[in-house]
Amino acid sequence: MYLPSLDIKNFVEIFRESEFLPKFASDFHELHIGSWEGMLTKIITFVVSLIGASLPITGYLLYFRRRCKA
């Protein structure tokens, strides 16, 4: 299998000339702000983000409880 050597200039030119990057950026932005479908997906995005935001808090609580028992 032949893989051409890619330096950063070639890599940037490939994405600059393609139509992939603008579509990817647009889709990623919609996913990031939670507007990629209707109300159901907004609710799902909100719940998933709340779970992600609670992970550091619950991790700290578990650590603190274990540390106090020892």
C-alpha atoms as a PDB file:
ATOM      1  CA  MET A   1       0.000   0.000   0.000  1.00  0.00           C
ATOM      2  CA  TYR A   2       1.442   3.343  -1.051  1.00  0.00           C
ATOM      3  CA  LEU A   3       0.996   6.298   1.243  1.00  0.00           C
ATOM      4  CA  PRO A   4       2.291   9.601  -0.036  1.00  0.00           C
ATOM      5  CA  SER A   5       4.340  11.610   2.380  1.00  0.00           C
ATOM      6  CA  LEU A   6       2.221  14.354   3.846  1.00  0.00           C
ATOM      7  CA  ASP A   7       3.775  17.437   5.207  1.00  0.00           C
ATOM      8  CA  ILE A   8       1.645  20.127   6.810  1.00  0.00           C
ATOM      9  CA  LYS A   9       1.408  22.210   3.628  1.00  0.00           C
ATOM     10  CA  ASN A  10      -0.010  19.313   1.620  1.00  0.00           C
ATOM     11  CA  PHE A  11      -2.395  18.435   4.434  1.00  0.00           C
ATOM     12  CA  VAL A  12      -3.726  21.982   4.665  1.00  0.00           C
ATOM     13  CA  GLU A  13      -4.119  22.245   0.896  1.00  0.00           C
ATOM     14  CA  ILE A  14      -6.048  18.988   0.717  1.00  0.00           C
ATOM     15  CA  PHE A  15      -8.605  20.214   3.254  1.00  0.00           C
ATOM     16  CA  ARG A  16      -8.711  23.741   1.884  1.00  0.00           C
ATOM     17  CA  GLU A  17      -9.648  22.468  -1.566  1.00  0.00           C
ATOM     18  CA  SER A  18     -12.163  19.879  -0.384  1.00  0.00           C
ATOM     19  CA  GLU A  19     -15.812  20.405   0.428  1.00  0.00           C
ATOM     20  CA  PHE A  20     -15.509  18.191   3.510  1.00  0.00           C
ATOM     21  CA  LEU A  21     -14.214  20.765   5.968  1.00  0.00           C
ATOM     22  CA  PRO A  22     -17.032  23.354   5.737  1.00  0.00           C
ATOM     23  CA  LYS A  23     -19.684  20.631   6.062  1.00  0.00           C
ATOM     24  CA  PHE A  24     -17.822  19.008   8.956  1.00  0.00           C
ATOM     25  CA  ALA A  25     -17.432  22.350  10.724  1.00  0.00           C
ATOM     26  CA  SER A  26     -21.113  23.137  10.250  1.00  0.00           C
ATOM     27  CA  ASP A  27     -22.235  19.717  11.509  1.00  0.00           C
ATOM     28  CA  PHE A  28     -19.857  19.864  14.457  1.00  0.00           C
ATOM     29  CA  HIS A  29     -21.109  23.324  15.433  1.00  0.00           C
ATOM     30  CA  GLU A  30     -24.719  22.130  15.339  1.00  0.00           C
ATOM     31  CA  LEU A  31     -23.803  19.140  17.476  1.00  0.00           C
ATOM     32  CA  HIS A  32     -21.834  21.329  19.881  1.00  0.00           C
ATOM     33  CA  ILE A  33     -24.689  23.735  20.535  1.00  0.00           C
ATOM     34  CA  GLY A  34     -27.352  21.006  20.472  1.00  0.00           C
ATOM     35  CA  SER A  35     -29.364  22.207  17.495  1.00  0.00           C
ATOM     36  CA  TRP A  36     -28.820  19.290  15.132  1.00  0.00           C
ATOM     37  CA  GLU A  37     -32.406  18.011  15.141  1.00  0.00           C
ATOM     38  CA  GLY A  38     -35.619  18.743  16.990  1.00  0.00           C
ATOM     39  CA  MET A  39     -36.617  19.187  20.588  1.00  0.00           C
ATOM     40  CA  LEU A  40     -35.975  15.554  21.553  1.00  0.00           C
ATOM     41  CA  THR A  41     -32.311  15.740  20.590  1.00  0.00           C
ATOM     42  CA  LYS A  42     -31.959  19.045  22.410  1.00  0.00           C
ATOM     43  CA  ILE A  43     -33.229  17.352  25.569  1.00  0.00           C
ATOM     44  CA  ILE A  44     -30.900  14.393  25.028  1.00  0.00           C
ATOM     45  CA  THR A  45     -27.951  16.753  24.473  1.00  0.00           C
ATOM     46  CA  PHE A  46     -28.856  18.653  27.647  1.00  0.00           C
ATOM     47  CA  VAL A  47     -29.088  15.490  29.759  1.00  0.00           C
ATOM     48  CA  VAL A  48     -25.802  14.137  28.407  1.00  0.00           C
ATOM     49  CA  SER A  49     -24.081  17.457  29.104  1.00  0.00           C
ATOM     50  CA  LEU A  50     -25.439  17.460  32.663  1.00  0.00           C
ATOM     51  CA  ILE A  51     -24.060  13.956  33.178  1.00  0.00           C
ATOM     52  CA  GLY A  52     -20.696  15.088  31.831  1.00  0.00           C
ATOM     53  CA  ALA A  53     -20.701  18.134  34.070  1.00  0.00           C
ATOM     54  CA  SER A  54     -21.544  16.041  37.140  1.00  0.00           C
ATOM     55  CA  LEU A  55     -18.624  13.621  36.680  1.00  0.00           C
ATOM     56  CA  PRO A  56     -15.961  15.852  38.293  1.00  0.00           C
ATOM     57  CA  ILE A  57     -18.267  16.597  41.212  1.00  0.00           C
ATOM     58  CA  THR A  58     -19.144  12.962  41.872  1.00  0.00           C
ATOM     59  CA  GLY A  59     -15.509  11.959  41.445  1.00  0.00           C
ATOM     60  CA  TYR A  60     -14.467  14.489  44.062  1.00  0.00           C
ATOM     61  CA  LEU A  61     -17.191  13.272  46.429  1.00  0.00           C
ATOM     62  CA  LEU A  62     -16.093   9.643  46.045  1.00  0.00           C
ATOM     63  CA  TYR A  63     -12.460  10.622  46.604  1.00  0.00           C
ATOM     64  CA  PHE A  64     -13.307  12.729  49.664  1.00  0.00           C
ATOM     65  CA  ARG A  65     -15.436   9.972  51.240  1.00  0.00           C
ATOM     66  CA  ARG A  66     -12.732   7.365  50.713  1.00  0.00           C
ATOM     67  CA  ARG A  67     -10.073   9.709  52.090  1.00  0.00           C
ATOM     68  CA  CYS A  68     -12.101  10.462  55.235  1.00  0.00           C
ATOM     69  CA  LYS A  69     -12.653   6.733  55.971  1.00  0.00           C
ATOM     70  CA  ALA A  70      -8.934   5.944  55.823  1.00  0.00           C
END
